[in-house]
Amino acid sequence: MGPMNAFLEANGFEGCVPDANAAAWFWFTVMTAMGYGNASPSTTAGRFLVYTFGSLCILLFGIVLANAATIVTIIFDDAVTRYS
């Protein structure tokens, strides 16, 4: 049974309880590259999707953090210049 068959046979309900909070927590741990290991996909297709989208999310989160660091640095430099 290949990944495509598993995808086609999946109905989203059998053996799965939809939980938005758990999904958000799972993606937060993937996106921040922490990956606690308490939840992981069990199918090959699921693992492929998590590896693919997880890698993209980690890159995007890195870009967001870099931009946030730039903003904090600008604010800090401005404060040091004003008050020194």
C-alpha atoms as a PDB file:
ATOM      1  CA  MET A   1       0.000   0.000   0.000  1.00  0.00           C
ATOM      2  CA  GLY A   2       1.668   3.165  -1.190  1.00  0.00           C
ATOM      3  CA  PRO A   3       1.358   6.694   0.153  1.00  0.00           C
ATOM      4  CA  MET A   4      -1.193   7.623  -2.486  1.00  0.00           C
ATOM      5  CA  ASN A   5      -3.482   4.744  -1.496  1.00  0.00           C
ATOM      6  CA  ALA A   6      -3.199   5.727   2.158  1.00  0.00           C
ATOM      7  CA  PHE A   7      -4.101   9.293   1.180  1.00  0.00           C
ATOM      8  CA  LEU A   8      -7.073   8.193  -0.902  1.00  0.00           C
ATOM      9  CA  GLU A   9      -8.383   5.818   1.768  1.00  0.00           C
ATOM     10  CA  ALA A  10      -8.045   8.311   4.606  1.00  0.00           C
ATOM     11  CA  ASN A  11     -11.315   9.863   5.638  1.00  0.00           C
ATOM     12  CA  GLY A  12     -10.001  12.059   8.455  1.00  0.00           C
ATOM     13  CA  PHE A  13     -12.180  10.459  11.094  1.00  0.00           C
ATOM     14  CA  GLU A  14     -11.236   6.818  11.507  1.00  0.00           C
ATOM     15  CA  GLY A  15      -8.696   6.631  14.312  1.00  0.00           C
ATOM     16  CA  CYS A  16      -8.402  10.404  14.355  1.00  0.00           C
ATOM     17  CA  VAL A  17      -9.969  12.921  16.668  1.00  0.00           C
ATOM     18  CA  PRO A  18      -9.800  16.408  15.130  1.00  0.00           C
ATOM     19  CA  ASP A  19      -8.315  18.780  17.681  1.00  0.00           C
ATOM     20  CA  ALA A  20      -7.311  22.295  16.631  1.00  0.00           C
ATOM     21  CA  ASN A  21      -5.327  22.959  19.809  1.00  0.00           C
ATOM     22  CA  ALA A  22      -3.262  19.806  19.392  1.00  0.00           C
ATOM     23  CA  ALA A  23      -2.679  20.624  15.725  1.00  0.00           C
ATOM     24  CA  ALA A  24      -1.532  24.148  16.589  1.00  0.00           C
ATOM     25  CA  TRP A  25       0.820  22.822  19.276  1.00  0.00           C
ATOM     26  CA  PHE A  26       2.216  20.201  16.893  1.00  0.00           C
ATOM     27  CA  TRP A  27       2.974  22.800  14.203  1.00  0.00           C
ATOM     28  CA  PHE A  28       4.461  25.183  16.766  1.00  0.00           C
ATOM     29  CA  THR A  29       6.907  22.502  17.887  1.00  0.00           C
ATOM     30  CA  VAL A  30       7.733  21.653  14.265  1.00  0.00           C
ATOM     31  CA  MET A  31       8.082  25.295  13.235  1.00  0.00           C
ATOM     32  CA  THR A  32      10.384  26.189  16.126  1.00  0.00           C
ATOM     33  CA  ALA A  33      12.430  23.015  15.518  1.00  0.00           C
ATOM     34  CA  MET A  34      11.869  21.793  19.079  1.00  0.00           C
ATOM     35  CA  GLY A  35       9.966  18.636  18.168  1.00  0.00           C
ATOM     36  CA  TYR A  36       9.180  17.118  21.551  1.00  0.00           C
ATOM     37  CA  GLY A  37       8.446  13.745  19.985  1.00  0.00           C
ATOM     38  CA  ASN A  38       5.158  13.236  21.789  1.00  0.00           C
ATOM     39  CA  ALA A  39       3.264  13.385  18.494  1.00  0.00           C
ATOM     40  CA  SER A  40       4.394  12.302  15.078  1.00  0.00           C
ATOM     41  CA  PRO A  41       2.772  11.123  11.870  1.00  0.00           C
ATOM     42  CA  SER A  42       2.552   7.367  11.497  1.00  0.00           C
ATOM     43  CA  THR A  43       2.078   7.080   7.744  1.00  0.00           C
ATOM     44  CA  THR A  44       4.679   7.619   5.060  1.00  0.00           C
ATOM     45  CA  ALA A  45       2.558  10.283   3.403  1.00  0.00           C
ATOM     46  CA  GLY A  46       2.097  12.090   6.716  1.00  0.00           C
ATOM     47  CA  ARG A  47       5.815  12.009   7.398  1.00  0.00           C
ATOM     48  CA  PHE A  48       6.535  13.348   3.923  1.00  0.00           C
ATOM     49  CA  LEU A  49       4.107  16.223   4.427  1.00  0.00           C
ATOM     50  CA  VAL A  50       5.526  17.077   7.851  1.00  0.00           C
ATOM     51  CA  TYR A  51       9.114  16.959   6.581  1.00  0.00           C
ATOM     52  CA  THR A  52       8.259  19.114   3.576  1.00  0.00           C
ATOM     53  CA  PHE A  53       6.037  21.710   5.230  1.00  0.00           C
ATOM     54  CA  GLY A  54       8.027  21.540   8.454  1.00  0.00           C
ATOM     55  CA  SER A  55      11.225  22.472   6.641  1.00  0.00           C
ATOM     56  CA  LEU A  56       9.477  25.372   4.940  1.00  0.00           C
ATOM     57  CA  CYS A  57       7.952  26.537   8.228  1.00  0.00           C
ATOM     58  CA  ILE A  58      11.343  26.417   9.951  1.00  0.00           C
ATOM     59  CA  LEU A  59      12.829  28.581   7.194  1.00  0.00           C
ATOM     60  CA  LEU A  60       9.952  31.056   7.356  1.00  0.00           C
ATOM     61  CA  PHE A  61      10.128  31.196  11.160  1.00  0.00           C
ATOM     62  CA  GLY A  62      13.851  31.928  10.870  1.00  0.00           C
ATOM     63  CA  ILE A  63      13.084  34.837   8.550  1.00  0.00           C
ATOM     64  CA  VAL A  64      10.485  36.187  10.991  1.00  0.00           C
ATOM     65  CA  LEU A  65      12.965  35.907  13.880  1.00  0.00           C
ATOM     66  CA  ALA A  66      15.676  37.645  11.858  1.00  0.00           C
ATOM     67  CA  ASN A  67      13.316  40.527  11.074  1.00  0.00           C
ATOM     68  CA  ALA A  68      12.257  40.768  14.715  1.00  0.00           C
ATOM     69  CA  ALA A  69      15.910  40.838  15.779  1.00  0.00           C
ATOM     70  CA  THR A  70      16.597  43.642  13.299  1.00  0.00           C
ATOM     71  CA  ILE A  71      13.713  45.696  14.698  1.00  0.00           C
ATOM     72  CA  VAL A  72      14.839  45.144  18.302  1.00  0.00           C
ATOM     73  CA  THR A  73      18.405  46.091  17.366  1.00  0.00           C
ATOM     74  CA  ILE A  74      17.236  49.321  15.701  1.00  0.00           C
ATOM     75  CA  ILE A  75      15.130  50.243  18.741  1.00  0.00           C
ATOM     76  CA  PHE A  76      17.986  49.433  21.140  1.00  0.00           C
ATOM     77  CA  ASP A  77      20.538  51.396  19.097  1.00  0.00           C
ATOM     78  CA  ASP A  78      18.173  54.372  18.948  1.00  0.00           C
ATOM     79  CA  ALA A  79      17.620  54.272  22.723  1.00  0.00           C
ATOM     80  CA  VAL A  80      21.364  54.063  23.407  1.00  0.00           C
ATOM     81  CA  THR A  81      22.014  56.972  21.047  1.00  0.00           C
ATOM     82  CA  ARG A  82      19.296  59.136  22.629  1.00  0.00           C
ATOM     83  CA  TYR A  83      20.131  58.486  26.260  1.00  0.00           C
ATOM     84  CA  SER A  84      23.906  58.412  26.220  1.00  0.00           C
END
